[in-house]
Amino acid sequence: MSGMTTAVLVAGASGDLGGRVVRELLRHDTTVRVLTRQAGAVAPGLAEQDRVEVVVAAYDEPAALRRAMQDVDVVVSAISGTRSVIVDAQRALLAAAVDAGVQRFIPSDYAADYRSVTPGTNRNFELRREFAAAVDAAPLRATSVLNGAFADMLTGQAPLVLFDRQRVLFWSSPDQVLDFTTKDDVAWVTAQVALDPDAPRVVEVAGDRVTSRSIADTMSRLTGTPFRLQWAGTAGTLSAMARVGRRLSRPSDEPFPAWQGMQYFVSMFSGEAELHHVANDRYGAHPWTTVEDVLAAHLGVLPAR
């Protein structure tokens, strides 16, 4: 859209990823409308920008949502949660976008490839797939950003690297390719997609593609201490453990209980969620942050390269 300022509405801007998306959008010729359910939830640094307009509307207020979408070119959803958010709230966003004549919609996917994952093995992926069906039936253009897992999680949130025990876990195979992208890089590509009227239905990126074996090599190099691979079972046994964990845990709206983290590893180590059409160069050269960069920063050392 050369010569035209793009109007982008971001839902979920008060969240970790959403705030990063807004900051990336502001590097371009955009006006950004931030949708929030309560005034004051948006980071002060963002809300005070002169090209940012904060609009308060709840997802169960169709008329308010529709008003929020007036004259918007593209809606970027970065809301996070379980069914009430990923399916219900996004359906409300989508309906309002269609009613307001918005041309394009970016759903809150930002994940590994959920499209081919076995039903019953990953709750969060199934919710994304369910909403994708609604998006595909809607009369507007949609683009999903698929980026593997967030590389930021490798520093402790996702127990793959056992820093204290000098071990790197794997299920089934230490050579299964694992896709990781930092939240900053995901925000960068999401902003590019928002400004690209010709974006396809899915844009796949991977800041880095590694294996448990290569992570162990990287950790050994960065620390000067041998990190060894540790077999933790098969993807099938992990899936069974996740099912038991889910049965035994209290129902909650938490997006990432322990059993869902297990399900994510099942999807990755089974190979089902691996990205097969990575197009890192779609928007030109970009200094992608590698897994080594993330681990080196966490350890407080310089990457080897």
Protein backbone atom coordinates (compact mmCIF):
# COMPACT_ATOMS: atom_id res chain seq x y z
CA MET A 1 0.00 0.00 0.00
CA SER A 2 2.57 2.55 -1.04
CA GLY A 3 1.57 6.14 -0.44
CA MET A 4 -1.18 5.14 1.98
CA THR A 5 -1.06 4.93 5.74
CA THR A 6 -2.27 1.51 6.85
CA ALA A 7 -4.76 1.47 9.73
CA VAL A 8 -4.18 -1.57 11.93
CA LEU A 9 -6.26 -2.69 14.89
CA VAL A 10 -4.35 -4.83 17.41
CA ALA A 11 -6.30 -6.97 19.89
CA GLY A 12 -4.22 -8.17 22.83
CA ALA A 13 -1.74 -5.28 22.80
CA SER A 14 -1.50 -5.37 26.59
CA GLY A 15 0.05 -8.85 26.33
CA ASP A 16 3.70 -9.73 25.85
CA LEU A 17 3.57 -10.46 22.12
CA GLY A 18 0.88 -7.87 21.32
CA GLY A 19 2.93 -5.00 22.77
CA ARG A 20 5.91 -6.06 20.65
CA VAL A 21 3.69 -6.16 17.53
CA VAL A 22 2.48 -2.59 18.19
CA ARG A 23 6.07 -1.35 18.57
CA GLU A 24 7.04 -3.01 15.27
CA LEU A 25 4.01 -1.54 13.47
CA LEU A 26 4.98 1.95 14.64
CA ARG A 27 8.26 1.66 12.71
CA HIS A 28 6.16 1.83 9.53
CA ASP A 29 3.64 4.18 7.96
CA THR A 30 0.75 3.03 10.14
CA THR A 31 -1.86 4.22 12.56
CA VAL A 32 -2.48 1.68 15.27
CA ARG A 33 -5.75 1.25 17.09
CA VAL A 34 -5.36 -0.79 20.26
CA LEU A 35 -8.40 -2.74 21.40
CA THR A 36 -8.58 -3.35 25.13
CA ARG A 37 -11.29 -4.58 27.47
CA GLN A 38 -10.33 -2.11 30.19
CA ALA A 39 -8.85 1.36 30.03
CA GLY A 40 -5.36 1.55 31.48
CA ALA A 41 -4.39 -2.02 30.53
CA VAL A 42 -2.11 -0.85 27.70
CA ALA A 43 1.54 -0.16 28.51
CA PRO A 44 1.94 3.61 29.16
CA GLY A 45 4.81 3.89 26.67
CA LEU A 46 2.52 2.64 23.89
CA ALA A 47 -0.70 4.41 24.87
CA GLU A 48 1.01 7.82 24.78
CA GLN A 49 2.26 7.49 21.19
CA ASP A 50 0.54 9.98 18.90
CA ARG A 51 -0.17 7.31 16.26
CA VAL A 52 -1.79 4.97 18.80
CA GLU A 53 -5.48 5.21 19.59
CA VAL A 54 -6.79 3.15 22.52
CA VAL A 55 -10.34 1.85 22.11
CA VAL A 56 -12.18 0.13 24.97
CA ALA A 57 -14.65 -2.62 24.00
CA ALA A 58 -15.57 -6.02 25.40
CA TYR A 59 -15.79 -9.08 23.19
CA ASP A 60 -19.46 -9.53 24.10
CA GLU A 61 -20.34 -6.04 22.80
CA PRO A 62 -20.81 -6.49 19.03
CA ALA A 63 -21.76 -2.84 18.37
CA ALA A 64 -18.73 -1.50 20.29
CA LEU A 65 -16.45 -3.95 18.50
CA ARG A 66 -17.87 -2.91 15.14
CA ARG A 67 -17.31 0.78 15.97
CA ALA A 68 -13.72 -0.02 16.96
CA MET A 69 -13.14 -1.52 13.51
CA GLN A 70 -14.41 1.42 11.44
CA ASP A 71 -11.91 2.45 8.73
CA VAL A 72 -9.45 -0.30 9.75
CA ASP A 73 -7.52 -2.08 6.99
CA VAL A 74 -6.29 -5.09 8.95
CA VAL A 75 -7.01 -6.68 12.33
CA VAL A 76 -4.10 -8.33 14.17
CA SER A 77 -5.21 -10.67 16.93
CA ALA A 78 -2.58 -11.34 19.62
CA ILE A 79 -4.96 -12.42 22.36
CA SER A 80 -3.95 -15.40 24.44
CA GLY A 81 -5.99 -17.99 26.30
CA THR A 82 -8.07 -21.12 25.85
CA ARG A 83 -11.49 -21.72 24.27
CA SER A 84 -13.18 -18.57 25.61
CA VAL A 85 -10.43 -16.51 23.94
CA ILE A 86 -9.02 -18.42 20.96
CA VAL A 87 -12.44 -19.55 19.68
CA ASP A 88 -15.13 -17.35 21.27
CA ALA A 89 -13.44 -13.94 21.55
CA GLN A 90 -11.77 -14.31 18.14
CA ARG A 91 -15.12 -15.26 16.56
CA ALA A 92 -16.53 -12.01 17.97
CA LEU A 93 -13.54 -10.08 16.57
CA LEU A 94 -13.95 -11.76 13.19
CA ALA A 95 -17.70 -11.07 13.00
CA ALA A 96 -17.13 -7.39 13.84
CA ALA A 97 -14.33 -7.16 11.26
CA VAL A 98 -16.58 -8.62 8.55
CA ASP A 99 -19.48 -6.30 9.51
CA ALA A 100 -17.16 -3.26 9.44
CA GLY A 101 -15.77 -4.18 6.02
CA VAL A 102 -12.22 -4.89 7.22
CA GLN A 103 -10.23 -6.47 4.40
CA ARG A 104 -7.72 -8.63 6.30
CA PHE A 105 -7.37 -10.58 9.55
CA ILE A 106 -4.34 -12.11 11.28
CA PRO A 107 -5.48 -14.70 13.84
CA SER A 108 -3.63 -15.38 17.09
CA ASP A 109 -1.78 -18.49 15.90
CA TYR A 110 1.97 -17.79 16.36
CA ALA A 111 2.74 -21.47 16.85
CA ALA A 112 4.12 -24.59 15.23
CA ASP A 113 2.12 -26.10 12.36
CA TYR A 114 -1.10 -27.10 14.10
CA ARG A 115 -2.83 -28.17 10.88
CA SER A 116 -1.56 -31.76 10.79
CA VAL A 117 -1.45 -32.60 14.50
CA THR A 118 -3.33 -35.74 15.60
CA PRO A 119 -6.65 -34.82 17.27
CA GLY A 120 -6.51 -35.23 21.05
CA THR A 121 -2.76 -34.65 21.31
CA ASN A 122 -2.64 -30.85 21.66
CA ARG A 123 -5.54 -28.82 23.08
CA ASN A 124 -4.21 -25.38 22.13
CA PHE A 125 -3.55 -26.48 18.54
CA GLU A 126 -7.06 -27.90 18.21
CA LEU A 127 -8.55 -24.58 19.33
CA ARG A 128 -6.49 -22.80 16.65
CA ARG A 129 -7.64 -25.30 14.05
CA GLU A 130 -11.27 -24.80 15.08
CA PHE A 131 -10.98 -21.02 14.72
CA ALA A 132 -9.10 -21.40 11.41
CA ALA A 133 -12.23 -23.07 9.98
CA ALA A 134 -14.27 -19.99 10.96
CA VAL A 135 -11.67 -17.67 9.39
CA ASP A 136 -11.61 -19.68 6.17
CA ALA A 137 -15.40 -19.39 5.88
CA ALA A 138 -15.36 -15.60 6.39
CA PRO A 139 -15.44 -13.13 3.46
CA LEU A 140 -12.04 -11.52 4.12
CA ARG A 141 -8.38 -12.42 3.60
CA ALA A 142 -6.61 -14.10 6.49
CA THR A 143 -2.94 -14.83 7.12
CA SER A 144 -1.63 -17.04 9.91
CA VAL A 145 1.93 -16.63 11.15
CA LEU A 146 3.47 -20.01 12.03
CA ASN A 147 6.83 -19.79 13.79
CA GLY A 148 7.40 -23.00 15.72
CA ALA A 149 7.84 -22.48 19.47
CA PHE A 150 8.99 -19.25 21.09
CA ALA A 151 12.78 -19.49 21.48
CA ASP A 152 12.48 -17.32 24.61
CA MET A 153 10.99 -20.36 26.41
CA LEU A 154 14.27 -22.30 26.18
CA THR A 155 15.75 -20.35 29.09
CA GLY A 156 13.60 -22.11 31.69
CA GLN A 157 9.90 -22.08 30.82
CA ALA A 158 10.20 -25.14 28.57
CA PRO A 159 12.25 -27.82 30.36
CA LEU A 160 14.30 -28.96 27.38
CA VAL A 161 17.71 -27.73 28.55
CA LEU A 162 18.47 -28.81 32.12
CA PHE A 163 21.05 -26.13 32.93
CA ASP A 164 21.96 -27.45 36.41
CA ARG A 165 22.34 -31.06 35.32
CA GLN A 166 24.17 -30.42 32.02
CA ARG A 167 21.56 -32.38 30.09
CA VAL A 168 19.39 -31.76 27.03
CA LEU A 169 16.24 -33.87 26.89
CA PHE A 170 14.74 -35.53 23.84
CA TRP A 171 11.76 -37.76 23.14
CA SER A 172 11.94 -40.44 20.43
CA SER A 173 14.83 -38.93 18.43
CA PRO A 174 17.61 -36.44 19.29
CA ASP A 175 17.71 -35.53 15.59
CA GLN A 176 14.10 -34.38 15.17
CA VAL A 177 14.12 -30.85 13.70
CA LEU A 178 12.66 -28.29 16.12
CA ASP A 179 11.57 -24.82 14.96
CA PHE A 180 12.14 -21.86 17.30
CA THR A 181 11.59 -18.12 16.82
CA THR A 182 11.94 -15.31 19.38
CA LYS A 183 8.91 -13.20 20.24
CA ASP A 184 10.67 -10.11 18.85
CA ASP A 185 11.18 -11.84 15.49
CA VAL A 186 7.57 -13.07 15.47
CA ALA A 187 6.42 -9.49 16.14
CA TRP A 188 8.63 -8.26 13.29
CA VAL A 189 7.19 -10.71 10.76
CA THR A 190 3.62 -10.10 12.00
CA ALA A 191 4.04 -6.37 11.29
CA GLN A 192 5.36 -7.20 7.81
CA VAL A 193 2.35 -9.45 7.17
CA ALA A 194 -0.04 -6.75 8.41
CA LEU A 195 1.40 -4.36 5.80
CA ASP A 196 1.38 -6.94 2.98
CA PRO A 197 -1.98 -6.99 1.15
CA ASP A 198 -0.74 -9.97 -0.90
CA ALA A 199 0.24 -12.13 2.08
CA PRO A 200 -0.77 -15.79 1.56
CA ARG A 201 -3.03 -17.75 3.94
CA VAL A 202 0.01 -18.94 5.94
CA VAL A 203 3.47 -17.40 6.38
CA GLU A 204 5.98 -19.80 7.96
CA VAL A 205 9.18 -18.53 9.57
CA ALA A 206 11.76 -20.11 11.84
CA GLY A 207 14.36 -17.95 13.57
CA ASP A 208 16.34 -21.16 13.98
CA ARG A 209 15.96 -24.87 13.24
CA VAL A 210 17.78 -27.07 15.71
CA THR A 211 17.74 -30.56 17.24
CA SER A 212 18.28 -31.71 20.81
CA ARG A 213 21.68 -32.94 19.63
CA SER A 214 22.68 -29.55 18.19
CA ILE A 215 21.41 -27.77 21.35
CA ALA A 216 23.62 -30.06 23.48
CA ASP A 217 26.61 -29.20 21.24
CA THR A 218 25.79 -25.49 21.55
CA MET A 219 25.51 -25.65 25.34
CA SER A 220 28.81 -27.56 25.58
CA ARG A 221 30.50 -24.87 23.47
CA LEU A 222 28.97 -21.93 25.35
CA THR A 223 29.69 -23.27 28.85
CA GLY A 224 32.89 -25.24 28.31
CA THR A 225 31.15 -28.12 30.12
CA PRO A 226 29.91 -31.21 28.24
CA PHE A 227 26.12 -31.21 27.97
CA ARG A 228 24.81 -34.72 27.31
CA LEU A 229 21.65 -35.91 25.62
CA GLN A 230 19.09 -37.59 27.85
CA TRP A 231 16.36 -39.80 26.43
CA ALA A 232 13.10 -38.98 28.21
CA GLY A 233 10.90 -41.57 26.50
CA THR A 234 8.98 -41.59 23.24
CA ALA A 235 6.61 -38.94 21.97
CA GLY A 236 3.89 -41.58 22.52
CA THR A 237 4.69 -42.09 26.21
CA LEU A 238 4.85 -38.32 26.71
CA SER A 239 1.44 -37.98 25.05
CA ALA A 240 0.03 -40.60 27.44
CA MET A 241 1.55 -38.74 30.41
CA ALA A 242 -0.02 -35.49 29.18
CA ARG A 243 -3.44 -37.19 28.94
CA VAL A 244 -3.14 -38.43 32.53
CA GLY A 245 -1.94 -35.01 33.69
CA ARG A 246 -4.89 -33.36 32.00
CA ARG A 247 -7.35 -35.80 33.62
CA LEU A 248 -5.87 -35.28 37.07
CA SER A 249 -5.60 -31.49 36.94
CA ARG A 250 -8.41 -29.12 37.78
CA PRO A 251 -10.13 -27.52 34.78
CA SER A 252 -8.71 -24.04 34.32
CA ASP A 253 -8.45 -21.30 31.73
CA GLU A 254 -4.68 -21.26 32.02
CA PRO A 255 -3.20 -21.46 28.48
CA PHE A 256 -0.10 -23.42 29.54
CA PRO A 257 -0.64 -25.88 32.40
CA ALA A 258 2.15 -28.49 32.69
CA TRP A 259 0.24 -31.05 30.62
CA GLN A 260 -0.19 -28.56 27.74
CA GLY A 261 3.58 -27.96 27.78
CA MET A 262 3.98 -31.73 27.43
CA GLN A 263 1.53 -31.72 24.53
CA TYR A 264 3.60 -29.05 22.79
CA PHE A 265 6.72 -31.23 23.05
CA VAL A 266 4.70 -34.20 21.73
CA SER A 267 3.71 -32.16 18.65
CA MET A 268 7.32 -31.07 18.10
CA PHE A 269 9.16 -34.34 18.80
CA SER A 270 6.65 -36.45 16.85
CA GLY A 271 7.51 -34.29 13.84
CA GLU A 272 3.81 -33.55 13.22
CA ALA A 273 4.14 -29.82 13.90
CA GLU A 274 7.40 -29.30 11.99
CA LEU A 275 7.30 -26.42 9.50
CA HIS A 276 7.75 -27.49 5.88
CA HIS A 277 7.48 -24.20 3.96
CA VAL A 278 9.69 -21.79 5.88
CA ALA A 279 10.05 -18.51 3.98
CA ASN A 280 12.40 -16.41 6.13
CA ASP A 281 13.34 -14.22 3.17
CA ARG A 282 9.78 -13.31 2.15
CA TYR A 283 10.22 -9.78 3.55
CA GLY A 284 13.88 -9.34 2.71
CA ALA A 285 16.97 -9.67 4.86
CA HIS A 286 16.36 -9.81 8.60
CA PRO A 287 18.85 -10.63 11.38
CA TRP A 288 17.02 -13.63 12.86
CA THR A 289 17.92 -14.40 16.47
CA THR A 290 19.27 -17.96 16.79
CA VAL A 291 18.81 -20.45 19.60
CA GLU A 292 22.52 -19.98 20.33
CA ASP A 293 21.95 -16.20 20.70
CA VAL A 294 19.11 -16.82 23.18
CA LEU A 295 21.07 -19.35 25.25
CA ALA A 296 24.24 -17.20 25.23
CA ALA A 297 22.27 -14.16 26.46
CA HIS A 298 20.71 -16.27 29.21
CA LEU A 299 24.13 -17.56 30.28
CA GLY A 300 25.71 -14.11 30.05
CA VAL A 301 28.31 -15.20 27.50
CA LEU A 302 29.04 -14.24 23.90
CA PRO A 303 27.73 -16.54 21.14
CA ALA A 304 30.50 -18.51 19.46
CA ARG A 305 29.83 -17.12 16.00
